[in-house]
Amino acid sequence: MKALMVITSHDQLGNTGRNTGFWLEELAAPYYTFKDGGVEITLASPKGGRPPLDPKSNEPEFRTDLTRRFEKDAAAEAQLNKTVRLDSVRQEDFDTVFYPGGHGPMWDLAEDKHSIKLIESFIAARKTIGIVCHSTGALRHVKAPDGKLLVQGKEVTGFTNGEEEEVGLAKVVPFLVEDEMLRLGATFSKTANWTPHVVHDGQLITGQNPHSSGLAAKTLMAAVNQAAKPAVARAV
């Protein structure tokens, strides 16, 4: 299996003067879910090169065994240093794509034309994709092959209004993921703040928050592996 992981290149947290970027757990947990499962991983970002890490995600309270493993993994760090440019990747070269979150995607991936077209191409090719936390916002302009918004009528999850309010950024982000998904006609599923929660609806697998990222990747791997089985094997 070959998986593409798309990471934000945006490093400014609105007008706060603070830095943002990708959330480390949301990269590390899926990364090792894939790697330990024998998946070949490619990392991409809009600008290529080293994407910005949200410094808060590396504070002691947010560190995990997997974030520490990533930081000590020379091969993983080398790969992160040289992410490929998003406009250079093609859906045809991968079995799936996964979008880690962090606040950064709210500004760049949500509006990036290459990201939008990439997701649309995976959906058109009937491939299942995974997206977690704030990166659910990257679906806001994505359309299904019939021309309708992809999330219209779909059950999805992502960073909730309550979680955004709890971190004090509800007035900073360009939009609230929960409100935007509801506005676009999705059914927004959520559990208690910071509780792992994953929704699988058709080709779309979404996770609520950082703690959902590993589970979302496992769900995605299972779905891709199931789809790869011959129809006869599935029938048996």
C-alpha atoms as a PDB file:
ATOM      1  CA  MET A   1       0.000   0.000   0.000  1.00  0.00           C
ATOM      2  CA  LYS A   2       1.139   3.517  -0.790  1.00  0.00           C
ATOM      3  CA  ALA A   3      -0.202   6.408   1.289  1.00  0.00           C
ATOM      4  CA  LEU A   4       0.177  10.144   0.771  1.00  0.00           C
ATOM      5  CA  MET A   5       0.080  12.370   3.855  1.00  0.00           C
ATOM      6  CA  VAL A   6      -0.681  16.054   3.227  1.00  0.00           C
ATOM      7  CA  ILE A   7       0.628  18.530   5.807  1.00  0.00           C
ATOM      8  CA  THR A   8       0.000  22.276   6.148  1.00  0.00           C
ATOM      9  CA  SER A   9       2.616  24.884   5.203  1.00  0.00           C
ATOM     10  CA  HIS A  10       0.886  27.703   7.123  1.00  0.00           C
ATOM     11  CA  ASP A  11       2.662  28.999  10.231  1.00  0.00           C
ATOM     12  CA  GLN A  12       0.782  32.117  11.410  1.00  0.00           C
ATOM     13  CA  LEU A  13      -2.085  31.823  13.910  1.00  0.00           C
ATOM     14  CA  GLY A  14      -4.329  34.510  12.484  1.00  0.00           C
ATOM     15  CA  ASN A  15      -3.554  37.953  13.877  1.00  0.00           C
ATOM     16  CA  THR A  16      -2.334  36.692  17.253  1.00  0.00           C
ATOM     17  CA  GLY A  17       1.365  37.006  16.412  1.00  0.00           C
ATOM     18  CA  ARG A  18       1.774  33.368  17.455  1.00  0.00           C
ATOM     19  CA  ASN A  19       2.989  30.473  15.347  1.00  0.00           C
ATOM     20  CA  THR A  20       0.948  27.472  14.256  1.00  0.00           C
ATOM     21  CA  GLY A  21       1.329  24.618  11.806  1.00  0.00           C
ATOM     22  CA  PHE A  22       0.682  20.880  11.965  1.00  0.00           C
ATOM     23  CA  TRP A  23      -0.064  19.072  15.229  1.00  0.00           C
ATOM     24  CA  LEU A  24       2.688  16.587  16.013  1.00  0.00           C
ATOM     25  CA  GLU A  25       0.500  13.773  17.379  1.00  0.00           C
ATOM     26  CA  GLU A  26      -1.685  13.975  14.282  1.00  0.00           C
ATOM     27  CA  LEU A  27       1.345  13.306  12.105  1.00  0.00           C
ATOM     28  CA  ALA A  28       3.155  10.793  14.320  1.00  0.00           C
ATOM     29  CA  ALA A  29       0.232   8.518  15.239  1.00  0.00           C
ATOM     30  CA  PRO A  30      -0.957   7.920  11.655  1.00  0.00           C
ATOM     31  CA  TYR A  31       2.627   7.816  10.375  1.00  0.00           C
ATOM     32  CA  TYR A  32       3.484   4.845  12.571  1.00  0.00           C
ATOM     33  CA  THR A  33       0.117   3.199  12.021  1.00  0.00           C
ATOM     34  CA  PHE A  34       0.998   3.173   8.333  1.00  0.00           C
ATOM     35  CA  LYS A  35       4.710   2.441   8.694  1.00  0.00           C
ATOM     36  CA  ASP A  36       4.239  -0.420  11.142  1.00  0.00           C
ATOM     37  CA  GLY A  37       1.625  -1.821   8.753  1.00  0.00           C
ATOM     38  CA  GLY A  38       4.106  -1.949   5.899  1.00  0.00           C
ATOM     39  CA  VAL A  39       2.703   1.063   4.066  1.00  0.00           C
ATOM     40  CA  GLU A  40       4.992   3.172   1.870  1.00  0.00           C
ATOM     41  CA  ILE A  41       4.532   6.806   2.981  1.00  0.00           C
ATOM     42  CA  THR A  42       5.041  10.019   1.020  1.00  0.00           C
ATOM     43  CA  LEU A  43       4.790  13.381   2.819  1.00  0.00           C
ATOM     44  CA  ALA A  44       3.605  16.437   0.893  1.00  0.00           C
ATOM     45  CA  SER A  45       2.835  20.072   1.692  1.00  0.00           C
ATOM     46  CA  PRO A  46       1.781  23.108  -0.357  1.00  0.00           C
ATOM     47  CA  LYS A  47       5.244  24.709  -0.236  1.00  0.00           C
ATOM     48  CA  GLY A  48       7.334  21.549   0.030  1.00  0.00           C
ATOM     49  CA  GLY A  49      10.329  21.248   2.335  1.00  0.00           C
ATOM     50  CA  ARG A  50      10.026  21.308   6.117  1.00  0.00           C
ATOM     51  CA  PRO A  51       6.452  22.144   7.174  1.00  0.00           C
ATOM     52  CA  PRO A  52       5.923  24.248  10.298  1.00  0.00           C
ATOM     53  CA  LEU A  53       5.227  22.466  13.563  1.00  0.00           C
ATOM     54  CA  ASP A  54       2.698  24.005  15.918  1.00  0.00           C
ATOM     55  CA  PRO A  55       5.032  24.620  18.876  1.00  0.00           C
ATOM     56  CA  LYS A  56       2.237  23.983  21.352  1.00  0.00           C
ATOM     57  CA  SER A  57       1.882  20.414  20.099  1.00  0.00           C
ATOM     58  CA  ASN A  58       5.382  19.665  21.377  1.00  0.00           C
ATOM     59  CA  GLU A  59       4.769  20.908  24.909  1.00  0.00           C
ATOM     60  CA  PRO A  60       5.111  18.213  27.609  1.00  0.00           C
ATOM     61  CA  GLU A  61       1.374  17.776  28.157  1.00  0.00           C
ATOM     62  CA  PHE A  62       0.801  16.965  24.477  1.00  0.00           C
ATOM     63  CA  ARG A  63       3.753  14.657  23.910  1.00  0.00           C
ATOM     64  CA  THR A  64       3.089  10.943  23.476  1.00  0.00           C
ATOM     65  CA  ASP A  65       5.167   7.816  23.013  1.00  0.00           C
ATOM     66  CA  LEU A  66       4.664   8.174  19.274  1.00  0.00           C
ATOM     67  CA  THR A  67       5.666  11.843  19.116  1.00  0.00           C
ATOM     68  CA  ARG A  68       8.830  10.975  21.010  1.00  0.00           C
ATOM     69  CA  ARG A  69       9.426   8.049  18.670  1.00  0.00           C
ATOM     70  CA  PHE A  70       9.063  10.351  15.658  1.00  0.00           C
ATOM     71  CA  GLU A  71      11.546  12.868  17.023  1.00  0.00           C
ATOM     72  CA  LYS A  72      14.123  10.126  17.576  1.00  0.00           C
ATOM     73  CA  ASP A  73      13.500   8.569  14.152  1.00  0.00           C
ATOM     74  CA  ALA A  74      16.194   9.938  11.828  1.00  0.00           C
ATOM     75  CA  ALA A  75      14.500   8.547   8.713  1.00  0.00           C
ATOM     76  CA  ALA A  76      11.141  10.099   9.639  1.00  0.00           C
ATOM     77  CA  GLU A  77      12.723  13.469  10.405  1.00  0.00           C
ATOM     78  CA  ALA A  78      14.647  13.366   7.115  1.00  0.00           C
ATOM     79  CA  GLN A  79      11.405  12.678   5.276  1.00  0.00           C
ATOM     80  CA  LEU A  80       9.693  15.569   7.069  1.00  0.00           C
ATOM     81  CA  ASN A  81      12.561  17.865   6.076  1.00  0.00           C
ATOM     82  CA  LYS A  82      11.904  17.172   2.404  1.00  0.00           C
ATOM     83  CA  THR A  83       8.150  17.013   1.890  1.00  0.00           C
ATOM     84  CA  VAL A  84       7.279  17.109  -1.793  1.00  0.00           C
ATOM     85  CA  ARG A  85       5.270  19.994  -3.208  1.00  0.00           C
ATOM     86  CA  LEU A  86       1.557  19.331  -3.248  1.00  0.00           C
ATOM     87  CA  ASP A  87       1.231  20.426  -6.872  1.00  0.00           C
ATOM     88  CA  SER A  88       3.642  17.659  -7.924  1.00  0.00           C
ATOM     89  CA  VAL A  89       1.722  14.648  -6.591  1.00  0.00           C
ATOM     90  CA  ARG A  90      -0.844  12.572  -8.457  1.00  0.00           C
ATOM     91  CA  GLN A  91      -3.660  10.460  -7.127  1.00  0.00           C
ATOM     92  CA  GLU A  92      -2.714   7.672  -9.520  1.00  0.00           C
ATOM     93  CA  ASP A  93       0.499   7.023  -7.579  1.00  0.00           C
ATOM     94  CA  PHE A  94      -1.225   6.285  -4.257  1.00  0.00           C
ATOM     95  CA  ASP A  95      -3.839   4.007  -2.741  1.00  0.00           C
ATOM     96  CA  THR A  96      -5.043   6.618  -0.275  1.00  0.00           C
ATOM     97  CA  VAL A  97      -4.404  10.067   1.184  1.00  0.00           C
ATOM     98  CA  PHE A  98      -4.464  11.184   4.815  1.00  0.00           C
ATOM     99  CA  TYR A  99      -4.635  14.758   6.121  1.00  0.00           C
ATOM    100  CA  PRO A 100      -3.212  15.392   9.621  1.00  0.00           C
ATOM    101  CA  GLY A 101      -4.561  18.505  11.315  1.00  0.00           C
ATOM    102  CA  GLY A 102      -3.344  21.389  13.397  1.00  0.00           C
ATOM    103  CA  HIS A 103      -4.679  24.916  12.992  1.00  0.00           C
ATOM    104  CA  GLY A 104      -2.554  25.591   9.899  1.00  0.00           C
ATOM    105  CA  PRO A 105      -4.848  23.778   7.407  1.00  0.00           C
ATOM    106  CA  MET A 106      -7.639  26.240   8.204  1.00  0.00           C
ATOM    107  CA  TRP A 107      -5.718  28.892   6.286  1.00  0.00           C
ATOM    108  CA  ASP A 108      -3.952  27.059   3.476  1.00  0.00           C
ATOM    109  CA  LEU A 109      -5.321  23.578   2.744  1.00  0.00           C
ATOM    110  CA  ALA A 110      -8.939  24.711   3.088  1.00  0.00           C
ATOM    111  CA  GLU A 111      -8.430  27.073   0.135  1.00  0.00           C
ATOM    112  CA  ASP A 112      -5.598  25.380  -1.800  1.00  0.00           C
ATOM    113  CA  LYS A 113      -6.722  24.560  -5.355  1.00  0.00           C
ATOM    114  CA  HIS A 114      -4.225  21.712  -5.653  1.00  0.00           C
ATOM    115  CA  SER A 115      -5.496  20.134  -2.438  1.00  0.00           C
ATOM    116  CA  ILE A 116      -9.108  20.478  -3.559  1.00  0.00           C
ATOM    117  CA  LYS A 117      -8.393  18.869  -6.943  1.00  0.00           C
ATOM    118  CA  LEU A 118      -6.329  16.133  -5.317  1.00  0.00           C
ATOM    119  CA  ILE A 119      -9.111  15.107  -2.945  1.00  0.00           C
ATOM    120  CA  GLU A 120     -11.617  15.239  -5.790  1.00  0.00           C
ATOM    121  CA  SER A 121      -9.393  12.957  -7.870  1.00  0.00           C
ATOM    122  CA  PHE A 122      -9.185  10.359  -5.074  1.00  0.00           C
ATOM    123  CA  ILE A 123     -12.964  10.403  -4.676  1.00  0.00           C
ATOM    124  CA  ALA A 124     -13.493  10.118  -8.446  1.00  0.00           C
ATOM    125  CA  ALA A 125     -11.127   7.129  -8.476  1.00  0.00           C
ATOM    126  CA  ARG A 126     -13.270   5.489  -5.756  1.00  0.00           C
ATOM    127  CA  LYS A 127     -10.441   5.546  -3.228  1.00  0.00           C
ATOM    128  CA  THR A 128     -11.110   6.007   0.487  1.00  0.00           C
ATOM    129  CA  ILE A 129      -9.423   8.960   2.219  1.00  0.00           C
ATOM    130  CA  GLY A 130      -8.759  10.004   5.818  1.00  0.00           C
ATOM    131  CA  ILE A 131      -8.881  13.469   7.383  1.00  0.00           C
ATOM    132  CA  VAL A 132      -8.663  14.528  11.027  1.00  0.00           C
ATOM    133  CA  CYS A 133      -9.329  17.472  13.292  1.00  0.00           C
ATOM    134  CA  HIS A 134      -8.986  20.904  11.634  1.00  0.00           C
ATOM    135  CA  SER A 135      -8.184  19.329   8.279  1.00  0.00           C
ATOM    136  CA  THR A 136     -11.855  18.402   7.949  1.00  0.00           C
ATOM    137  CA  GLY A 137     -12.064  22.076   6.964  1.00  0.00           C
ATOM    138  CA  ALA A 138     -10.051  21.202   3.850  1.00  0.00           C
ATOM    139  CA  LEU A 139     -13.221  19.556   2.530  1.00  0.00           C
ATOM    140  CA  ARG A 140     -15.214  22.797   2.417  1.00  0.00           C
ATOM    141  CA  HIS A 141     -14.794  23.400  -1.349  1.00  0.00           C
ATOM    142  CA  VAL A 142     -14.384  19.780  -2.475  1.00  0.00           C
ATOM    143  CA  LYS A 143     -17.009  18.462  -4.873  1.00  0.00           C
ATOM    144  CA  ALA A 144     -18.143  14.923  -5.611  1.00  0.00           C
ATOM    145  CA  PRO A 145     -18.147  13.638  -9.210  1.00  0.00           C
ATOM    146  CA  ASP A 146     -21.833  14.641  -9.538  1.00  0.00           C
ATOM    147  CA  GLY A 147     -20.918  18.284  -8.895  1.00  0.00           C
ATOM    148  CA  LYS A 148     -22.421  18.479  -5.419  1.00  0.00           C
ATOM    149  CA  LEU A 149     -20.330  19.335  -2.380  1.00  0.00           C
ATOM    150  CA  LEU A 150     -18.656  16.169  -1.126  1.00  0.00           C
ATOM    151  CA  VAL A 151     -19.788  16.610   2.473  1.00  0.00           C
ATOM    152  CA  GLN A 152     -23.411  17.349   1.572  1.00  0.00           C
ATOM    153  CA  GLY A 153     -25.496  14.582   3.118  1.00  0.00           C
ATOM    154  CA  LYS A 154     -22.407  12.901   4.593  1.00  0.00           C
ATOM    155  CA  GLU A 155     -21.729  12.140   8.221  1.00  0.00           C
ATOM    156  CA  VAL A 156     -18.418  13.703   9.250  1.00  0.00           C
ATOM    157  CA  THR A 157     -16.525  14.801  12.326  1.00  0.00           C
ATOM    158  CA  GLY A 158     -13.702  17.212  13.046  1.00  0.00           C
ATOM    159  CA  PHE A 159     -12.517  19.688  15.672  1.00  0.00           C
ATOM    160  CA  THR A 160     -15.673  20.760  17.468  1.00  0.00           C
ATOM    161  CA  ASN A 161     -16.896  24.206  18.460  1.00  0.00           C
ATOM    162  CA  GLY A 162     -16.495  23.187  22.087  1.00  0.00           C
ATOM    163  CA  GLU A 163     -12.892  22.134  21.578  1.00  0.00           C
ATOM    164  CA  GLU A 164     -12.104  25.356  19.710  1.00  0.00           C
ATOM    165  CA  GLU A 165     -13.646  27.407  22.491  1.00  0.00           C
ATOM    166  CA  GLU A 166     -11.700  25.459  25.084  1.00  0.00           C
ATOM    167  CA  VAL A 167      -8.376  26.334  23.415  1.00  0.00           C
ATOM    168  CA  GLY A 168      -9.485  29.973  23.128  1.00  0.00           C
ATOM    169  CA  LEU A 169      -9.299  30.257  19.339  1.00  0.00           C
ATOM    170  CA  ALA A 170     -12.955  30.343  18.293  1.00  0.00           C
ATOM    171  CA  LYS A 171     -12.590  34.036  17.389  1.00  0.00           C
ATOM    172  CA  VAL A 172      -9.188  33.564  15.705  1.00  0.00           C
ATOM    173  CA  VAL A 173      -9.776  30.824  13.139  1.00  0.00           C
ATOM    174  CA  PRO A 174     -11.238  31.852   9.753  1.00  0.00           C
ATOM    175  CA  PHE A 175     -14.206  29.526  10.327  1.00  0.00           C
ATOM    176  CA  LEU A 176     -15.340  26.883  12.789  1.00  0.00           C
ATOM    177  CA  VAL A 177     -15.098  23.359  11.390  1.00  0.00           C
ATOM    178  CA  GLU A 178     -18.312  22.168  13.030  1.00  0.00           C
ATOM    179  CA  ASP A 179     -20.356  25.178  11.914  1.00  0.00           C
ATOM    180  CA  GLU A 180     -18.952  25.035   8.382  1.00  0.00           C
ATOM    181  CA  MET A 181     -19.737  21.354   7.911  1.00  0.00           C
ATOM    182  CA  LEU A 182     -23.296  21.927   9.125  1.00  0.00           C
ATOM    183  CA  ARG A 183     -23.637  24.943   6.810  1.00  0.00           C
ATOM    184  CA  LEU A 184     -22.578  22.794   3.874  1.00  0.00           C
ATOM    185  CA  GLY A 185     -25.220  20.180   4.566  1.00  0.00           C
ATOM    186  CA  ALA A 186     -23.190  17.543   6.418  1.00  0.00           C
ATOM    187  CA  THR A 187     -24.325  15.679   9.502  1.00  0.00           C
ATOM    188  CA  PHE A 188     -21.721  16.544  12.130  1.00  0.00           C
ATOM    189  CA  SER A 189     -21.003  13.763  14.606  1.00  0.00           C
ATOM    190  CA  LYS A 190     -19.127  14.470  17.843  1.00  0.00           C
ATOM    191  CA  THR A 191     -18.386  13.112  21.279  1.00  0.00           C
ATOM    192  CA  ALA A 192     -17.090  14.771  24.453  1.00  0.00           C
ATOM    193  CA  ASN A 193     -14.162  17.149  24.000  1.00  0.00           C
ATOM    194  CA  TRP A 194     -10.818  15.375  23.463  1.00  0.00           C
ATOM    195  CA  THR A 195     -12.431  11.938  23.222  1.00  0.00           C
ATOM    196  CA  PRO A 196     -11.255   9.727  20.317  1.00  0.00           C
ATOM    197  CA  HIS A 197     -13.999   9.614  17.691  1.00  0.00           C
ATOM    198  CA  VAL A 198     -13.905   8.455  14.078  1.00  0.00           C
ATOM    199  CA  VAL A 199     -16.671   8.451  11.466  1.00  0.00           C
ATOM    200  CA  HIS A 200     -16.622   6.295   8.323  1.00  0.00           C
ATOM    201  CA  ASP A 201     -19.143   7.273   5.651  1.00  0.00           C
ATOM    202  CA  GLY A 202     -18.520   5.829   2.209  1.00  0.00           C
ATOM    203  CA  GLN A 203     -15.107   6.911   0.936  1.00  0.00           C
ATOM    204  CA  LEU A 204     -14.652   9.445   3.714  1.00  0.00           C
ATOM    205  CA  ILE A 205     -13.071   8.713   7.101  1.00  0.00           C
ATOM    206  CA  THR A 206     -12.868  11.649   9.506  1.00  0.00           C
ATOM    207  CA  GLY A 207     -11.491  12.000  13.050  1.00  0.00           C
ATOM    208  CA  GLN A 208     -12.569  14.532  15.667  1.00  0.00           C
ATOM    209  CA  ASN A 209      -9.334  15.601  17.351  1.00  0.00           C
ATOM    210  CA  PRO A 210      -5.641  14.730  17.842  1.00  0.00           C
ATOM    211  CA  HIS A 211      -6.490  11.667  19.930  1.00  0.00           C
ATOM    212  CA  SER A 212      -8.545  10.345  16.997  1.00  0.00           C
ATOM    213  CA  SER A 213      -5.713  10.433  14.457  1.00  0.00           C
ATOM    214  CA  GLY A 214      -4.254   6.977  15.084  1.00  0.00           C
ATOM    215  CA  LEU A 215      -7.690   5.354  15.110  1.00  0.00           C
ATOM    216  CA  ALA A 216      -8.618   7.166  11.896  1.00  0.00           C
ATOM    217  CA  ALA A 217      -5.482   5.826  10.214  1.00  0.00           C
ATOM    218  CA  LYS A 218      -6.264   2.276  11.375  1.00  0.00           C
ATOM    219  CA  THR A 219      -9.810   2.605  10.064  1.00  0.00           C
ATOM    220  CA  LEU A 220      -8.469   3.902   6.764  1.00  0.00           C
ATOM    221  CA  MET A 221      -5.949   1.066   6.402  1.00  0.00           C
ATOM    222  CA  ALA A 222      -8.656  -1.502   7.041  1.00  0.00           C
ATOM    223  CA  ALA A 223     -10.943   0.097   4.460  1.00  0.00           C
ATOM    224  CA  VAL A 224      -8.222   0.255   1.793  1.00  0.00           C
ATOM    225  CA  ASN A 225      -7.184  -3.338   2.449  1.00  0.00           C
ATOM    226  CA  GLN A 226     -10.801  -4.492   2.243  1.00  0.00           C
ATOM    227  CA  ALA A 227     -11.306  -2.671  -1.054  1.00  0.00           C
ATOM    228  CA  ALA A 228      -8.173  -4.299  -2.458  1.00  0.00           C
ATOM    229  CA  LYS A 229      -9.512  -7.831  -1.925  1.00  0.00           C
ATOM    230  CA  PRO A 230     -10.910  -9.509  -5.054  1.00  0.00           C
ATOM    231  CA  ALA A 231     -14.692  -9.443  -5.280  1.00  0.00           C
ATOM    232  CA  VAL A 232     -14.837 -13.242  -5.110  1.00  0.00           C
ATOM    233  CA  ALA A 233     -12.810 -13.278  -1.880  1.00  0.00           C
ATOM    234  CA  ARG A 234     -15.105 -10.670  -0.368  1.00  0.00           C
ATOM    235  CA  ALA A 235     -18.173 -12.697  -1.346  1.00  0.00           C
ATOM    236  CA  VAL A 236     -16.755 -15.807   0.294  1.00  0.00           C
END
